[in-house]
Amino acid sequence: MKNGGGNWRTVAGFPLHWREWGNECLVFQEGAAGTHLLGPLEAAVLRCVESAPAGEAELLAAVSAGLGVPADEELNARIDAVSAQLEVRGLIERLPA
């Protein structure tokens, strides 16, 4: 990952509640009272780190398998960008390396 190091996790103390419609997910973040509309890649990244903290290799493998796409540099770059966006939205945070 280009944005630092360490593993990503969901923000502690703010459980997530999911609703899915086709390829989109609506996630309500309890405690923060935030509702977020996510596409397939965003949802795959968030689901991965919701179950356990994950680093670059774990995210790439899980997202690739979940979406049925190759685990290549392009996907890795997209995961990196999505992770940064999810962090800005307050859904995930990076653990210290």
N, C-alpha and C. Protein backbone atom coordinates (compact mmCIF):
# COMPACT_ATOMS: atom_id res chain seq x y z
N MET A 1 0.83 -1.17 0.00
CA MET A 1 0.00 0.00 0.00
C MET A 1 0.87 1.24 0.00
N LYS A 2 0.45 2.21 -0.71
CA LYS A 2 1.25 3.42 -0.87
C LYS A 2 1.05 4.41 0.28
N ASN A 3 -0.06 4.29 1.03
CA ASN A 3 -0.42 5.29 2.03
C ASN A 3 0.10 5.00 3.42
N GLY A 4 1.23 4.39 3.57
CA GLY A 4 1.75 4.15 4.91
C GLY A 4 2.05 2.69 5.11
N GLY A 5 1.56 2.13 6.10
CA GLY A 5 1.77 0.74 6.42
C GLY A 5 0.82 0.37 7.52
N GLY A 6 0.94 -0.83 8.00
CA GLY A 6 0.04 -1.28 9.05
C GLY A 6 -1.26 -1.79 8.49
N ASN A 7 -2.04 -2.33 9.37
CA ASN A 7 -3.32 -2.92 8.99
C ASN A 7 -4.46 -1.92 9.13
N TRP A 8 -5.50 -2.16 8.36
CA TRP A 8 -6.73 -1.39 8.45
C TRP A 8 -7.71 -2.14 9.34
N ARG A 9 -8.58 -1.40 10.02
CA ARG A 9 -9.69 -1.99 10.77
C ARG A 9 -10.86 -1.01 10.74
N THR A 10 -12.04 -1.51 11.08
CA THR A 10 -13.16 -0.59 11.21
C THR A 10 -12.93 0.24 12.46
N VAL A 11 -13.55 1.40 12.51
CA VAL A 11 -13.37 2.30 13.65
C VAL A 11 -14.02 1.66 14.88
N ALA A 12 -13.23 1.48 15.92
CA ALA A 12 -13.69 0.82 17.15
C ALA A 12 -14.85 1.59 17.78
N GLY A 13 -15.80 0.83 18.30
CA GLY A 13 -16.93 1.44 19.00
C GLY A 13 -18.08 1.89 18.13
N PHE A 14 -17.97 1.66 16.82
CA PHE A 14 -19.02 2.06 15.89
C PHE A 14 -19.45 0.88 15.03
N PRO A 15 -20.31 -0.02 15.56
CA PRO A 15 -20.76 -1.18 14.79
C PRO A 15 -21.43 -0.77 13.47
N LEU A 16 -21.32 -1.65 12.50
CA LEU A 16 -21.89 -1.40 11.18
C LEU A 16 -23.12 -2.28 10.96
N HIS A 17 -24.13 -1.72 10.31
CA HIS A 17 -25.35 -2.45 9.96
C HIS A 17 -25.50 -2.35 8.44
N TRP A 18 -25.66 -3.49 7.79
CA TRP A 18 -25.64 -3.57 6.32
C TRP A 18 -27.02 -3.84 5.73
N ARG A 19 -27.28 -3.24 4.59
CA ARG A 19 -28.42 -3.55 3.72
C ARG A 19 -27.89 -3.57 2.30
N GLU A 20 -28.30 -4.57 1.53
CA GLU A 20 -27.79 -4.70 0.17
C GLU A 20 -28.91 -4.68 -0.85
N TRP A 21 -28.65 -4.00 -1.97
CA TRP A 21 -29.55 -3.96 -3.12
C TRP A 21 -28.70 -4.13 -4.36
N GLY A 22 -28.78 -5.29 -4.96
CA GLY A 22 -27.99 -5.54 -6.17
C GLY A 22 -26.51 -5.41 -5.87
N ASN A 23 -25.83 -4.53 -6.59
CA ASN A 23 -24.39 -4.33 -6.41
C ASN A 23 -24.05 -3.23 -5.40
N GLU A 24 -25.05 -2.62 -4.79
CA GLU A 24 -24.78 -1.54 -3.86
C GLU A 24 -25.15 -1.94 -2.44
N CYS A 25 -24.45 -1.36 -1.48
CA CYS A 25 -24.70 -1.61 -0.07
C CYS A 25 -24.93 -0.28 0.63
N LEU A 26 -25.84 -0.30 1.55
CA LEU A 26 -26.05 0.83 2.44
C LEU A 26 -25.57 0.39 3.81
N VAL A 27 -24.65 1.17 4.39
CA VAL A 27 -24.07 0.84 5.68
C VAL A 27 -24.39 1.96 6.66
N PHE A 28 -25.01 1.58 7.78
CA PHE A 28 -25.27 2.53 8.85
C PHE A 28 -24.22 2.31 9.92
N GLN A 29 -23.54 3.37 10.31
CA GLN A 29 -22.49 3.31 11.32
C GLN A 29 -23.06 3.79 12.65
N GLU A 30 -23.38 2.81 13.50
CA GLU A 30 -23.97 3.09 14.81
C GLU A 30 -23.01 3.95 15.64
N GLY A 31 -23.54 4.82 16.44
CA GLY A 31 -22.71 5.68 17.29
C GLY A 31 -22.33 6.96 16.57
N ALA A 32 -21.86 6.83 15.36
CA ALA A 32 -21.52 8.00 14.56
C ALA A 32 -22.75 8.50 13.80
N ALA A 33 -23.79 7.66 13.76
CA ALA A 33 -25.04 7.97 13.06
C ALA A 33 -24.79 8.36 11.61
N GLY A 34 -23.84 7.68 10.96
CA GLY A 34 -23.56 7.94 9.56
C GLY A 34 -24.10 6.84 8.68
N THR A 35 -24.64 7.21 7.56
CA THR A 35 -25.12 6.25 6.58
C THR A 35 -24.31 6.44 5.30
N HIS A 36 -23.84 5.33 4.73
CA HIS A 36 -22.93 5.39 3.59
C HIS A 36 -23.40 4.44 2.49
N LEU A 37 -23.45 4.93 1.27
CA LEU A 37 -23.75 4.11 0.10
C LEU A 37 -22.43 3.65 -0.50
N LEU A 38 -22.26 2.33 -0.61
CA LEU A 38 -21.01 1.76 -1.09
C LEU A 38 -21.21 0.93 -2.35
N GLY A 39 -20.25 1.02 -3.25
CA GLY A 39 -20.22 0.15 -4.41
C GLY A 39 -19.57 -1.17 -4.04
N PRO A 40 -19.46 -2.09 -5.00
CA PRO A 40 -18.94 -3.43 -4.72
C PRO A 40 -17.51 -3.44 -4.16
N LEU A 41 -16.62 -2.64 -4.71
CA LEU A 41 -15.24 -2.64 -4.22
C LEU A 41 -15.15 -2.07 -2.81
N GLU A 42 -15.83 -0.97 -2.58
CA GLU A 42 -15.84 -0.38 -1.23
C GLU A 42 -16.40 -1.35 -0.21
N ALA A 43 -17.50 -2.01 -0.56
CA ALA A 43 -18.12 -2.97 0.35
C ALA A 43 -17.20 -4.15 0.62
N ALA A 44 -16.50 -4.63 -0.40
CA ALA A 44 -15.59 -5.77 -0.22
C ALA A 44 -14.45 -5.41 0.73
N VAL A 45 -13.89 -4.22 0.58
CA VAL A 45 -12.81 -3.77 1.46
C VAL A 45 -13.33 -3.63 2.88
N LEU A 46 -14.48 -2.98 3.05
CA LEU A 46 -15.02 -2.76 4.39
C LEU A 46 -15.38 -4.07 5.07
N ARG A 47 -15.98 -4.99 4.34
CA ARG A 47 -16.33 -6.30 4.93
C ARG A 47 -15.08 -7.05 5.38
N CYS A 48 -14.03 -6.95 4.61
CA CYS A 48 -12.78 -7.63 4.94
C CYS A 48 -12.23 -7.13 6.27
N VAL A 49 -12.17 -5.83 6.45
CA VAL A 49 -11.58 -5.29 7.68
C VAL A 49 -12.57 -5.28 8.84
N GLU A 50 -13.85 -5.48 8.54
CA GLU A 50 -14.83 -5.56 9.62
C GLU A 50 -14.65 -6.86 10.41
N SER A 51 -14.29 -7.93 9.72
CA SER A 51 -14.13 -9.22 10.39
C SER A 51 -12.84 -9.30 11.19
N ALA A 52 -11.78 -8.66 10.72
CA ALA A 52 -10.49 -8.64 11.41
C ALA A 52 -9.59 -7.61 10.74
N PRO A 53 -8.67 -7.01 11.48
CA PRO A 53 -7.73 -6.09 10.83
C PRO A 53 -7.01 -6.78 9.69
N ALA A 54 -6.76 -6.04 8.62
CA ALA A 54 -6.14 -6.63 7.43
C ALA A 54 -5.14 -5.65 6.82
N GLY A 55 -4.06 -6.21 6.32
CA GLY A 55 -3.05 -5.44 5.61
C GLY A 55 -3.20 -5.62 4.12
N GLU A 56 -2.22 -5.15 3.39
CA GLU A 56 -2.26 -5.14 1.93
C GLU A 56 -2.49 -6.53 1.34
N ALA A 57 -1.73 -7.52 1.78
CA ALA A 57 -1.84 -8.86 1.20
C ALA A 57 -3.20 -9.48 1.50
N GLU A 58 -3.69 -9.32 2.73
CA GLU A 58 -4.99 -9.89 3.09
C GLU A 58 -6.12 -9.22 2.32
N LEU A 59 -6.04 -7.91 2.21
CA LEU A 59 -7.08 -7.19 1.45
C LEU A 59 -7.09 -7.60 -0.01
N LEU A 60 -5.92 -7.67 -0.60
CA LEU A 60 -5.84 -8.03 -2.01
C LEU A 60 -6.41 -9.43 -2.25
N ALA A 61 -6.04 -10.40 -1.42
CA ALA A 61 -6.53 -11.76 -1.58
C ALA A 61 -8.03 -11.85 -1.36
N ALA A 62 -8.53 -11.23 -0.29
CA ALA A 62 -9.95 -11.32 0.03
C ALA A 62 -10.81 -10.61 -1.00
N VAL A 63 -10.41 -9.43 -1.42
CA VAL A 63 -11.20 -8.67 -2.40
C VAL A 63 -11.17 -9.37 -3.75
N SER A 64 -10.02 -9.86 -4.15
CA SER A 64 -9.90 -10.58 -5.41
C SER A 64 -10.83 -11.79 -5.44
N ALA A 65 -10.79 -12.57 -4.36
CA ALA A 65 -11.64 -13.77 -4.28
C ALA A 65 -13.12 -13.40 -4.22
N GLY A 66 -13.43 -12.39 -3.42
CA GLY A 66 -14.83 -11.99 -3.26
C GLY A 66 -15.47 -11.43 -4.51
N LEU A 67 -14.68 -10.70 -5.29
CA LEU A 67 -15.22 -10.09 -6.51
C LEU A 67 -14.95 -10.92 -7.76
N GLY A 68 -14.11 -11.96 -7.62
CA GLY A 68 -13.79 -12.80 -8.77
C GLY A 68 -12.97 -12.08 -9.82
N VAL A 69 -12.03 -11.27 -9.36
CA VAL A 69 -11.16 -10.52 -10.28
C VAL A 69 -9.70 -10.86 -9.97
N PRO A 70 -8.80 -10.64 -10.93
CA PRO A 70 -7.39 -10.95 -10.69
C PRO A 70 -6.77 -10.08 -9.59
N ALA A 71 -5.91 -10.70 -8.81
CA ALA A 71 -5.18 -10.00 -7.75
C ALA A 71 -3.93 -9.38 -8.36
N ASP A 72 -4.11 -8.27 -9.07
CA ASP A 72 -2.98 -7.65 -9.77
C ASP A 72 -2.70 -6.25 -9.23
N GLU A 73 -1.74 -5.59 -9.83
CA GLU A 73 -1.35 -4.24 -9.39
C GLU A 73 -2.49 -3.23 -9.54
N GLU A 74 -3.28 -3.38 -10.59
CA GLU A 74 -4.41 -2.47 -10.78
C GLU A 74 -5.40 -2.58 -9.63
N LEU A 75 -5.75 -3.81 -9.25
CA LEU A 75 -6.67 -4.00 -8.12
C LEU A 75 -6.04 -3.47 -6.84
N ASN A 76 -4.77 -3.74 -6.64
CA ASN A 76 -4.08 -3.26 -5.44
C ASN A 76 -4.14 -1.73 -5.35
N ALA A 77 -3.95 -1.05 -6.46
CA ALA A 77 -4.01 0.42 -6.48
C ALA A 77 -5.44 0.90 -6.18
N ARG A 78 -6.43 0.20 -6.71
CA ARG A 78 -7.82 0.59 -6.46
C ARG A 78 -8.19 0.36 -4.99
N ILE A 79 -7.70 -0.74 -4.40
CA ILE A 79 -7.95 -1.01 -2.99
C ILE A 79 -7.30 0.08 -2.14
N ASP A 80 -6.10 0.49 -2.50
CA ASP A 80 -5.40 1.55 -1.78
C ASP A 80 -6.22 2.84 -1.80
N ALA A 81 -6.73 3.21 -2.96
CA ALA A 81 -7.52 4.43 -3.09
C ALA A 81 -8.83 4.33 -2.30
N VAL A 82 -9.50 3.19 -2.39
CA VAL A 82 -10.75 2.99 -1.66
C VAL A 82 -10.51 3.01 -0.16
N SER A 83 -9.43 2.40 0.30
CA SER A 83 -9.11 2.40 1.73
C SER A 83 -8.93 3.83 2.23
N ALA A 84 -8.24 4.65 1.47
CA ALA A 84 -8.05 6.05 1.85
C ALA A 84 -9.40 6.78 1.90
N GLN A 85 -10.29 6.51 0.96
CA GLN A 85 -11.61 7.14 0.94
C GLN A 85 -12.44 6.71 2.14
N LEU A 86 -12.38 5.40 2.46
CA LEU A 86 -13.13 4.90 3.62
C LEU A 86 -12.60 5.49 4.92
N GLU A 87 -11.30 5.75 4.97
CA GLU A 87 -10.72 6.39 6.14
C GLU A 87 -11.23 7.83 6.28
N VAL A 88 -11.27 8.57 5.19
CA VAL A 88 -11.77 9.94 5.21
C VAL A 88 -13.24 9.97 5.64
N ARG A 89 -14.00 8.96 5.25
CA ARG A 89 -15.42 8.88 5.60
C ARG A 89 -15.63 8.41 7.04
N GLY A 90 -14.55 8.05 7.73
CA GLY A 90 -14.64 7.63 9.13
C GLY A 90 -15.08 6.20 9.34
N LEU A 91 -15.00 5.37 8.28
CA LEU A 91 -15.42 3.97 8.40
C LEU A 91 -14.30 3.05 8.82
N ILE A 92 -13.07 3.36 8.43
CA ILE A 92 -11.92 2.54 8.80
C ILE A 92 -10.79 3.42 9.30
N GLU A 93 -9.86 2.78 9.99
CA GLU A 93 -8.67 3.49 10.48
C GLU A 93 -7.49 2.56 10.38
N ARG A 94 -6.31 3.15 10.31
CA ARG A 94 -5.09 2.37 10.19
C ARG A 94 -4.53 2.11 11.59
N LEU A 95 -4.16 0.87 11.84
CA LEU A 95 -3.46 0.53 13.07
C LEU A 95 -2.00 0.91 12.93
N PRO A 96 -1.35 1.28 13.99
CA PRO A 96 0.09 1.59 13.89
C PRO A 96 0.87 0.39 13.38
N ALA A 97 1.87 0.66 12.56
CA ALA A 97 2.69 -0.41 11.97
C ALA A 97 3.54 -1.07 13.02
